[in-house]
N, C-alpha and C. Protein backbone atom coordinates (compact mmCIF):
# COMPACT_ATOMS: atom_id res chain seq x y z
N MET A 1 79.51 13.26 45.65
CA MET A 1 79.12 11.93 45.89
C MET A 1 80.10 11.03 45.17
N ALA A 2 80.55 10.11 45.86
CA ALA A 2 81.57 9.25 45.28
C ALA A 2 80.92 8.03 44.69
N LEU A 3 81.45 7.61 43.61
CA LEU A 3 80.94 6.44 42.93
C LEU A 3 81.46 5.21 43.66
N ARG A 4 80.63 4.32 43.96
CA ARG A 4 81.02 3.12 44.67
C ARG A 4 81.67 2.17 43.71
N ARG A 5 82.62 1.49 44.12
CA ARG A 5 83.33 0.57 43.26
C ARG A 5 83.12 -0.86 43.70
N ASP A 6 82.19 -1.09 44.42
CA ASP A 6 81.91 -2.42 44.90
C ASP A 6 81.41 -3.26 43.74
N PRO A 7 81.99 -4.42 43.44
CA PRO A 7 81.58 -5.20 42.28
C PRO A 7 80.15 -5.73 42.42
N THR A 8 79.68 -6.03 43.59
CA THR A 8 78.33 -6.53 43.74
C THR A 8 77.33 -5.43 43.40
N TYR A 9 77.66 -4.26 43.86
CA TYR A 9 76.78 -3.13 43.57
C TYR A 9 76.74 -2.87 42.08
N LEU A 10 77.86 -2.90 41.44
CA LEU A 10 77.94 -2.64 40.02
C LEU A 10 77.20 -3.73 39.23
N LEU A 11 77.31 -4.97 39.68
CA LEU A 11 76.65 -6.06 38.99
C LEU A 11 75.13 -5.90 39.08
N ARG A 12 74.65 -5.48 40.24
CA ARG A 12 73.21 -5.27 40.37
C ARG A 12 72.74 -4.19 39.41
N TRP A 13 73.50 -3.12 39.25
CA TRP A 13 73.13 -2.06 38.32
C TRP A 13 73.13 -2.55 36.87
N LEU A 14 74.01 -3.36 36.52
CA LEU A 14 74.07 -3.87 35.14
C LEU A 14 72.89 -4.80 34.87
N VAL A 15 72.57 -5.61 35.84
CA VAL A 15 71.42 -6.51 35.67
C VAL A 15 70.14 -5.68 35.53
N LEU A 16 70.05 -4.67 36.37
CA LEU A 16 68.88 -3.81 36.29
C LEU A 16 68.81 -3.09 34.96
N LEU A 17 69.93 -2.61 34.50
CA LEU A 17 69.97 -1.91 33.21
C LEU A 17 69.63 -2.87 32.08
N GLY A 18 70.12 -4.09 32.14
CA GLY A 18 69.81 -5.09 31.11
C GLY A 18 68.32 -5.45 31.11
N ALA A 19 67.79 -5.53 32.29
CA ALA A 19 66.38 -5.86 32.38
C ALA A 19 65.53 -4.74 31.79
N VAL A 20 65.97 -3.52 32.03
CA VAL A 20 65.23 -2.39 31.49
C VAL A 20 65.30 -2.41 29.98
N VAL A 21 66.46 -2.66 29.43
CA VAL A 21 66.64 -2.66 27.97
C VAL A 21 65.90 -3.84 27.36
N ILE A 22 66.03 -4.99 27.91
CA ILE A 22 65.41 -6.19 27.34
C ILE A 22 63.91 -6.22 27.62
N GLY A 23 63.51 -5.92 28.80
CA GLY A 23 62.12 -6.05 29.20
C GLY A 23 61.25 -4.89 28.81
N GLY A 24 61.79 -3.80 28.39
CA GLY A 24 60.97 -2.69 27.95
C GLY A 24 60.73 -1.69 29.03
N GLY A 25 61.34 -1.76 30.16
CA GLY A 25 61.16 -0.73 31.18
C GLY A 25 61.03 -1.33 32.55
N LEU A 26 61.07 -0.48 33.50
CA LEU A 26 60.99 -0.91 34.87
C LEU A 26 59.63 -1.49 35.24
N PRO A 27 58.53 -1.00 34.70
CA PRO A 27 57.27 -1.57 35.12
C PRO A 27 57.13 -3.05 34.78
N ALA A 28 57.93 -3.56 33.86
CA ALA A 28 57.82 -4.96 33.50
C ALA A 28 58.52 -5.86 34.47
N CYS A 29 59.24 -5.31 35.38
CA CYS A 29 59.98 -6.10 36.35
C CYS A 29 59.03 -6.67 37.37
N SER A 30 59.23 -7.94 37.70
CA SER A 30 58.33 -8.57 38.63
C SER A 30 58.84 -8.53 40.05
N GLY A 31 59.92 -7.88 40.26
CA GLY A 31 60.43 -7.75 41.63
C GLY A 31 61.81 -8.36 41.74
N SER A 32 62.32 -8.38 42.94
CA SER A 32 63.70 -8.84 43.12
C SER A 32 63.77 -10.33 42.95
N GLY A 33 64.75 -10.75 42.19
CA GLY A 33 65.01 -12.16 42.00
C GLY A 33 64.02 -12.86 41.08
N GLY A 34 62.98 -12.20 40.52
CA GLY A 34 62.01 -12.86 39.67
C GLY A 34 62.38 -12.79 38.21
N THR A 35 61.56 -13.30 37.39
CA THR A 35 61.77 -13.28 35.96
C THR A 35 60.98 -12.13 35.40
N ALA A 36 61.58 -11.41 34.44
CA ALA A 36 60.92 -10.29 33.82
C ALA A 36 59.85 -10.80 32.85
N SER A 37 58.72 -10.13 32.82
CA SER A 37 57.64 -10.48 31.90
C SER A 37 57.69 -9.57 30.70
N VAL A 38 57.48 -10.14 29.56
CA VAL A 38 57.44 -9.35 28.34
C VAL A 38 55.97 -9.27 27.92
N VAL A 39 55.49 -8.05 27.74
CA VAL A 39 54.10 -7.85 27.35
C VAL A 39 54.08 -7.51 25.87
N THR A 40 53.37 -8.32 25.11
CA THR A 40 53.25 -8.06 23.68
C THR A 40 51.99 -7.21 23.48
N PRO A 41 52.20 -6.02 22.91
CA PRO A 41 51.01 -5.18 22.72
C PRO A 41 50.09 -5.78 21.66
N THR A 42 48.76 -5.62 21.85
CA THR A 42 47.78 -6.08 20.87
C THR A 42 47.05 -4.86 20.31
N ALA A 43 46.71 -5.00 19.06
CA ALA A 43 46.02 -3.89 18.40
C ALA A 43 44.61 -3.77 18.95
N THR A 44 44.14 -2.55 19.06
CA THR A 44 42.77 -2.30 19.49
C THR A 44 41.86 -2.62 18.31
N PRO A 45 40.88 -3.50 18.52
CA PRO A 45 40.01 -3.84 17.38
C PRO A 45 39.21 -2.63 16.92
N ALA A 46 39.01 -2.59 15.61
CA ALA A 46 38.19 -1.51 15.03
C ALA A 46 36.76 -1.68 15.52
N PRO A 47 36.08 -0.58 15.82
CA PRO A 47 34.69 -0.72 16.30
C PRO A 47 33.79 -1.29 15.21
N THR A 48 32.88 -2.17 15.65
CA THR A 48 31.91 -2.75 14.72
C THR A 48 30.84 -1.71 14.44
N PRO A 49 30.60 -1.44 13.13
CA PRO A 49 29.59 -0.42 12.84
C PRO A 49 28.21 -0.89 13.32
N THR A 50 27.44 0.04 13.83
CA THR A 50 26.08 -0.25 14.28
C THR A 50 25.19 -0.39 13.04
N PRO A 51 24.48 -1.53 12.92
CA PRO A 51 23.64 -1.68 11.73
C PRO A 51 22.52 -0.65 11.72
N SER A 52 22.18 -0.21 10.51
CA SER A 52 21.07 0.73 10.35
C SER A 52 19.77 -0.02 10.62
N PRO A 53 18.85 0.62 11.29
CA PRO A 53 17.58 -0.08 11.52
C PRO A 53 16.84 -0.30 10.21
N THR A 54 16.23 -1.48 10.12
CA THR A 54 15.43 -1.79 8.93
C THR A 54 14.12 -1.02 9.03
N PRO A 55 13.79 -0.24 7.99
CA PRO A 55 12.54 0.52 8.09
C PRO A 55 11.34 -0.42 8.13
N THR A 56 10.38 -0.07 8.95
CA THR A 56 9.14 -0.83 9.04
C THR A 56 8.30 -0.50 7.81
N PRO A 57 7.87 -1.55 7.08
CA PRO A 57 7.07 -1.25 5.89
C PRO A 57 5.74 -0.58 6.26
N THR A 58 5.36 0.36 5.45
CA THR A 58 4.08 1.05 5.65
C THR A 58 2.97 0.11 5.21
N PRO A 59 1.99 -0.14 6.08
CA PRO A 59 0.91 -1.04 5.66
C PRO A 59 0.12 -0.46 4.50
N THR A 60 -0.26 -1.34 3.61
CA THR A 60 -1.07 -0.92 2.48
C THR A 60 -2.50 -0.71 2.97
N PRO A 61 -3.05 0.47 2.74
CA PRO A 61 -4.41 0.70 3.22
C PRO A 61 -5.42 -0.15 2.44
N THR A 62 -6.44 -0.57 3.14
CA THR A 62 -7.51 -1.32 2.50
C THR A 62 -8.34 -0.36 1.65
N PRO A 63 -8.49 -0.68 0.37
CA PRO A 63 -9.25 0.26 -0.46
C PRO A 63 -10.72 0.33 -0.02
N THR A 64 -11.23 1.51 -0.05
CA THR A 64 -12.64 1.73 0.29
C THR A 64 -13.46 1.46 -0.96
N PRO A 65 -14.47 0.59 -0.83
CA PRO A 65 -15.27 0.32 -2.03
C PRO A 65 -15.96 1.59 -2.54
N THR A 66 -15.97 1.70 -3.84
CA THR A 66 -16.64 2.83 -4.46
C THR A 66 -18.14 2.63 -4.32
N PRO A 67 -18.82 3.60 -3.72
CA PRO A 67 -20.27 3.40 -3.59
C PRO A 67 -20.94 3.40 -4.95
N THR A 68 -21.89 2.52 -5.08
CA THR A 68 -22.64 2.46 -6.33
C THR A 68 -24.02 3.05 -6.09
N ALA A 69 -24.48 3.70 -7.09
CA ALA A 69 -25.82 4.30 -6.99
C ALA A 69 -26.85 3.18 -6.94
N PRO A 70 -27.87 3.36 -6.13
CA PRO A 70 -28.91 2.33 -6.11
C PRO A 70 -29.51 2.18 -7.51
N ALA A 71 -29.92 0.95 -7.79
CA ALA A 71 -30.51 0.70 -9.11
C ALA A 71 -31.79 1.52 -9.27
N SER A 72 -31.91 2.09 -10.42
CA SER A 72 -33.09 2.90 -10.71
C SER A 72 -34.25 2.00 -11.09
N PRO A 73 -35.45 2.40 -10.70
CA PRO A 73 -36.60 1.62 -11.13
C PRO A 73 -36.73 1.66 -12.66
N VAL A 74 -37.25 0.60 -13.17
CA VAL A 74 -37.53 0.53 -14.62
C VAL A 74 -39.04 0.72 -14.78
N PRO A 75 -39.49 1.00 -15.98
CA PRO A 75 -40.93 1.19 -16.16
C PRO A 75 -41.73 -0.01 -15.65
N PRO A 76 -42.94 0.25 -15.15
CA PRO A 76 -43.78 -0.85 -14.65
C PRO A 76 -44.21 -1.78 -15.78
N VAL A 77 -44.57 -2.98 -15.38
CA VAL A 77 -45.05 -4.00 -16.32
C VAL A 77 -46.41 -4.49 -15.81
N ALA A 78 -47.41 -4.51 -16.70
CA ALA A 78 -48.75 -5.00 -16.35
C ALA A 78 -48.94 -6.38 -16.98
N SER A 79 -49.56 -7.26 -16.21
CA SER A 79 -49.78 -8.61 -16.71
C SER A 79 -51.11 -9.12 -16.15
N PRO A 80 -51.99 -9.73 -16.97
CA PRO A 80 -51.82 -9.91 -18.41
C PRO A 80 -52.13 -8.63 -19.18
N SER A 81 -51.60 -8.57 -20.36
CA SER A 81 -51.87 -7.46 -21.26
C SER A 81 -51.65 -7.99 -22.67
N PRO A 82 -52.56 -7.80 -23.57
CA PRO A 82 -53.81 -7.04 -23.51
C PRO A 82 -54.92 -7.83 -22.81
N LEU A 83 -56.03 -7.11 -22.54
CA LEU A 83 -57.24 -7.73 -21.98
C LEU A 83 -58.32 -7.73 -23.07
N THR A 84 -59.03 -8.84 -23.16
CA THR A 84 -60.12 -8.95 -24.14
C THR A 84 -61.39 -9.43 -23.41
N PHE A 85 -62.50 -8.70 -23.67
CA PHE A 85 -63.79 -9.05 -23.07
C PHE A 85 -64.77 -9.40 -24.19
N THR A 86 -65.67 -10.35 -23.91
CA THR A 86 -66.68 -10.73 -24.91
C THR A 86 -68.08 -10.31 -24.49
N ASN A 87 -68.18 -9.61 -23.35
CA ASN A 87 -69.48 -9.13 -22.91
C ASN A 87 -69.25 -8.04 -21.88
N THR A 88 -70.29 -7.41 -21.41
CA THR A 88 -70.18 -6.32 -20.45
C THR A 88 -70.79 -6.73 -19.12
N GLY A 89 -70.40 -5.95 -18.07
CA GLY A 89 -70.96 -6.18 -16.74
C GLY A 89 -69.93 -6.78 -15.78
N ALA A 90 -70.25 -6.66 -14.49
CA ALA A 90 -69.35 -7.11 -13.43
C ALA A 90 -69.08 -8.62 -13.47
N ALA A 91 -70.02 -9.36 -14.05
CA ALA A 91 -69.83 -10.81 -14.15
C ALA A 91 -68.63 -11.16 -15.04
N PHE A 92 -68.19 -10.21 -15.85
CA PHE A 92 -67.08 -10.45 -16.78
C PHE A 92 -65.78 -9.72 -16.36
N ASN A 93 -65.72 -9.25 -15.14
CA ASN A 93 -64.52 -8.54 -14.66
C ASN A 93 -63.25 -9.37 -14.85
N GLN A 94 -62.15 -8.67 -15.07
CA GLN A 94 -60.82 -9.29 -15.11
C GLN A 94 -59.87 -8.41 -14.29
N THR A 95 -58.80 -9.04 -13.80
CA THR A 95 -57.81 -8.28 -13.03
C THR A 95 -56.45 -8.35 -13.72
N PHE A 96 -55.65 -7.36 -13.45
CA PHE A 96 -54.24 -7.42 -13.89
C PHE A 96 -53.37 -6.95 -12.72
N THR A 97 -52.11 -7.36 -12.74
CA THR A 97 -51.14 -7.04 -11.70
C THR A 97 -50.02 -6.20 -12.29
N VAL A 98 -49.53 -5.27 -11.51
CA VAL A 98 -48.44 -4.39 -11.96
C VAL A 98 -47.21 -4.68 -11.10
N THR A 99 -46.06 -4.84 -11.76
CA THR A 99 -44.78 -5.02 -11.07
C THR A 99 -43.77 -4.03 -11.63
N GLU A 100 -42.76 -3.74 -10.82
CA GLU A 100 -41.70 -2.84 -11.27
C GLU A 100 -40.43 -3.15 -10.48
N SER A 101 -39.35 -3.45 -11.18
CA SER A 101 -38.08 -3.75 -10.53
C SER A 101 -37.56 -2.53 -9.78
N ASN A 102 -36.99 -2.75 -8.62
CA ASN A 102 -36.38 -1.69 -7.80
C ASN A 102 -37.37 -0.61 -7.39
N TYR A 103 -38.61 -1.00 -7.21
CA TYR A 103 -39.64 -0.04 -6.80
C TYR A 103 -40.55 -0.71 -5.79
N GLY A 104 -40.86 -0.02 -4.72
CA GLY A 104 -41.73 -0.59 -3.70
C GLY A 104 -42.95 0.26 -3.41
N GLY A 105 -43.22 1.23 -4.26
CA GLY A 105 -44.34 2.14 -4.02
C GLY A 105 -45.65 1.63 -4.60
N THR A 106 -46.58 2.57 -4.73
CA THR A 106 -47.93 2.24 -5.24
C THR A 106 -48.07 2.68 -6.69
N PHE A 107 -49.18 2.23 -7.29
CA PHE A 107 -49.49 2.54 -8.68
C PHE A 107 -50.89 3.13 -8.77
N THR A 108 -51.12 3.86 -9.85
CA THR A 108 -52.48 4.30 -10.19
C THR A 108 -52.80 3.76 -11.58
N ALA A 109 -54.08 3.48 -11.82
CA ALA A 109 -54.52 3.01 -13.14
C ALA A 109 -55.75 3.83 -13.53
N THR A 110 -55.73 4.34 -14.78
CA THR A 110 -56.82 5.20 -15.25
C THR A 110 -57.27 4.74 -16.63
N SER A 111 -58.62 4.51 -16.78
CA SER A 111 -59.16 4.15 -18.09
C SER A 111 -59.17 5.40 -18.97
N GLN A 112 -58.70 5.25 -20.19
CA GLN A 112 -58.69 6.37 -21.12
C GLN A 112 -60.07 6.57 -21.78
N ASN A 113 -60.97 5.59 -21.59
CA ASN A 113 -62.35 5.73 -22.10
C ASN A 113 -63.25 4.94 -21.17
N THR A 114 -63.91 5.64 -20.26
CA THR A 114 -64.77 4.98 -19.28
C THR A 114 -66.09 4.48 -19.88
N ASN A 115 -66.33 4.79 -21.19
CA ASN A 115 -67.50 4.22 -21.87
C ASN A 115 -67.21 2.80 -22.33
N VAL A 116 -65.92 2.41 -22.32
CA VAL A 116 -65.54 1.04 -22.72
C VAL A 116 -65.25 0.19 -21.49
N VAL A 117 -64.37 0.69 -20.57
CA VAL A 117 -64.06 -0.04 -19.33
C VAL A 117 -63.86 0.94 -18.19
N THR A 118 -64.09 0.45 -16.97
CA THR A 118 -63.72 1.20 -15.77
C THR A 118 -62.67 0.35 -15.03
N VAL A 119 -61.84 1.02 -14.22
CA VAL A 119 -60.78 0.32 -13.50
C VAL A 119 -60.73 0.83 -12.06
N VAL A 120 -60.60 -0.10 -11.11
CA VAL A 120 -60.48 0.25 -9.69
C VAL A 120 -59.37 -0.61 -9.08
N PRO A 121 -58.80 -0.14 -7.96
CA PRO A 121 -57.79 -0.98 -7.30
C PRO A 121 -58.40 -2.32 -6.90
N GLY A 122 -57.60 -3.39 -7.02
CA GLY A 122 -58.06 -4.74 -6.66
C GLY A 122 -57.95 -4.99 -5.16
N THR A 123 -58.22 -6.21 -4.76
CA THR A 123 -58.19 -6.57 -3.35
C THR A 123 -56.77 -6.88 -2.86
N GLN A 124 -55.87 -7.12 -3.76
CA GLN A 124 -54.46 -7.38 -3.42
C GLN A 124 -53.60 -6.17 -3.82
N PRO A 125 -52.45 -5.94 -3.16
CA PRO A 125 -51.59 -4.82 -3.54
C PRO A 125 -51.16 -4.94 -5.01
N ASN A 126 -51.12 -3.80 -5.67
CA ASN A 126 -50.67 -3.69 -7.07
C ASN A 126 -51.52 -4.49 -8.05
N THR A 127 -52.78 -4.73 -7.70
CA THR A 127 -53.71 -5.36 -8.65
C THR A 127 -54.85 -4.38 -8.92
N PHE A 128 -55.43 -4.52 -10.11
CA PHE A 128 -56.55 -3.65 -10.53
C PHE A 128 -57.63 -4.52 -11.14
N THR A 129 -58.87 -4.13 -10.90
CA THR A 129 -60.03 -4.84 -11.45
C THR A 129 -60.63 -3.99 -12.56
N VAL A 130 -60.83 -4.63 -13.72
CA VAL A 130 -61.36 -3.94 -14.90
C VAL A 130 -62.77 -4.48 -15.17
N THR A 131 -63.71 -3.55 -15.35
CA THR A 131 -65.11 -3.92 -15.64
C THR A 131 -65.45 -3.43 -17.05
N PRO A 132 -65.89 -4.36 -17.94
CA PRO A 132 -66.29 -3.93 -19.28
C PRO A 132 -67.64 -3.22 -19.22
N VAL A 133 -67.71 -2.04 -19.90
CA VAL A 133 -68.94 -1.23 -19.85
C VAL A 133 -69.64 -1.22 -21.20
N GLY A 134 -68.89 -1.13 -22.27
CA GLY A 134 -69.49 -1.05 -23.61
C GLY A 134 -68.47 -1.52 -24.64
N ALA A 135 -68.96 -1.78 -25.84
CA ALA A 135 -68.10 -2.26 -26.92
C ALA A 135 -67.12 -1.17 -27.31
N GLY A 136 -65.89 -1.61 -27.66
CA GLY A 136 -64.88 -0.66 -28.12
C GLY A 136 -63.47 -1.08 -27.71
N GLN A 137 -62.56 -0.20 -28.01
CA GLN A 137 -61.16 -0.45 -27.67
C GLN A 137 -60.62 0.79 -26.97
N THR A 138 -59.79 0.59 -25.94
CA THR A 138 -59.19 1.70 -25.20
C THR A 138 -57.89 1.23 -24.53
N THR A 139 -57.28 2.11 -23.77
CA THR A 139 -56.09 1.75 -22.99
C THR A 139 -56.32 2.17 -21.55
N ILE A 140 -55.62 1.47 -20.68
CA ILE A 140 -55.57 1.85 -19.27
C ILE A 140 -54.14 2.32 -19.02
N LEU A 141 -54.00 3.53 -18.51
CA LEU A 141 -52.68 4.10 -18.23
C LEU A 141 -52.32 3.78 -16.77
N VAL A 142 -51.18 3.12 -16.58
CA VAL A 142 -50.70 2.75 -15.24
C VAL A 142 -49.43 3.55 -14.96
N LYS A 143 -49.40 4.23 -13.78
CA LYS A 143 -48.23 5.05 -13.40
C LYS A 143 -47.78 4.72 -11.99
N ASP A 144 -46.45 4.88 -11.77
CA ASP A 144 -45.94 4.81 -10.40
C ASP A 144 -45.78 6.25 -9.88
N THR A 145 -45.33 6.41 -8.66
CA THR A 145 -45.21 7.76 -8.08
C THR A 145 -44.11 8.58 -8.72
N GLY A 146 -43.24 7.95 -9.49
CA GLY A 146 -42.19 8.68 -10.22
C GLY A 146 -42.58 8.99 -11.65
N ASN A 147 -43.85 8.80 -12.00
CA ASN A 147 -44.41 9.04 -13.33
C ASN A 147 -43.87 8.09 -14.40
N ARG A 148 -43.28 6.95 -14.01
CA ARG A 148 -42.94 5.92 -15.00
C ARG A 148 -44.26 5.20 -15.28
N SER A 149 -44.47 4.84 -16.53
CA SER A 149 -45.80 4.32 -16.87
C SER A 149 -45.75 3.19 -17.87
N THR A 150 -46.88 2.53 -17.96
CA THR A 150 -47.12 1.51 -18.97
C THR A 150 -48.60 1.57 -19.32
N THR A 151 -49.00 0.89 -20.37
CA THR A 151 -50.42 0.86 -20.74
C THR A 151 -50.88 -0.58 -20.91
N VAL A 152 -52.17 -0.75 -20.71
CA VAL A 152 -52.82 -2.04 -20.95
C VAL A 152 -53.87 -1.78 -22.03
N THR A 153 -53.74 -2.49 -23.12
CA THR A 153 -54.72 -2.37 -24.21
C THR A 153 -55.92 -3.25 -23.87
N VAL A 154 -57.14 -2.68 -24.08
CA VAL A 154 -58.37 -3.40 -23.74
C VAL A 154 -59.31 -3.36 -24.95
N THR A 155 -59.87 -4.52 -25.25
CA THR A 155 -60.87 -4.63 -26.31
C THR A 155 -62.12 -5.28 -25.73
N VAL A 156 -63.28 -4.63 -25.99
CA VAL A 156 -64.55 -5.21 -25.52
C VAL A 156 -65.40 -5.44 -26.79
N THR A 157 -65.77 -6.68 -27.01
CA THR A 157 -66.70 -7.02 -28.11
C THR A 157 -67.91 -7.69 -27.45
N ILE A 158 -69.04 -7.34 -27.97
CA ILE A 158 -70.27 -7.92 -27.42
C ILE A 158 -70.77 -8.95 -28.43
N THR A 159 -70.88 -10.14 -27.95
CA THR A 159 -71.36 -11.22 -28.82
C THR A 159 -72.89 -11.24 -28.70
N PRO A 160 -73.52 -11.04 -29.84
CA PRO A 160 -74.99 -11.04 -29.76
C PRO A 160 -75.52 -12.42 -29.39
N VAL A 161 -76.56 -12.40 -28.62
CA VAL A 161 -77.21 -13.66 -28.22
C VAL A 161 -78.48 -13.77 -29.07
N THR A 162 -78.61 -14.86 -29.73
CA THR A 162 -79.80 -15.07 -30.57
C THR A 162 -80.81 -15.90 -29.77
N VAL A 163 -82.00 -15.36 -29.68
CA VAL A 163 -83.07 -16.07 -28.98
C VAL A 163 -84.01 -16.61 -30.04
N THR A 164 -84.28 -17.84 -29.97
CA THR A 164 -85.18 -18.42 -30.97
C THR A 164 -86.46 -18.87 -30.40
């Protein structure tokens, strides 16, 4: 193959070679008769790190109230106490009432000396009627169903009646 010596042909080769050297290669050429484009390379940006998810706070559990034991009943209380009689018989009856905190049950009342007084349940709940029978002193024992108790002291004095 013979090398052509045509000056136009040679000039085209030199221009092409210059464009390749200056422009960075043939792909940068925009075609015949155009201006070569120079592409400035840009750095690839570093990837942005993915943020770690914020942990969801664990809810604080609502404390369970500590159960408290129900209040225990306290010993019963009789009122009035003591009882004093100045004569005997049903005409002189007196009543007393029994109460007890934290208790809703019934009570019993027992005379410790039935020769001095007798006792029976009253007409109202937790009341007792006492009848004086003879002179003397005694106690009435009052209990609830749990055997908690109290006493009522009773004194019976007979006032003599003078007939003139």
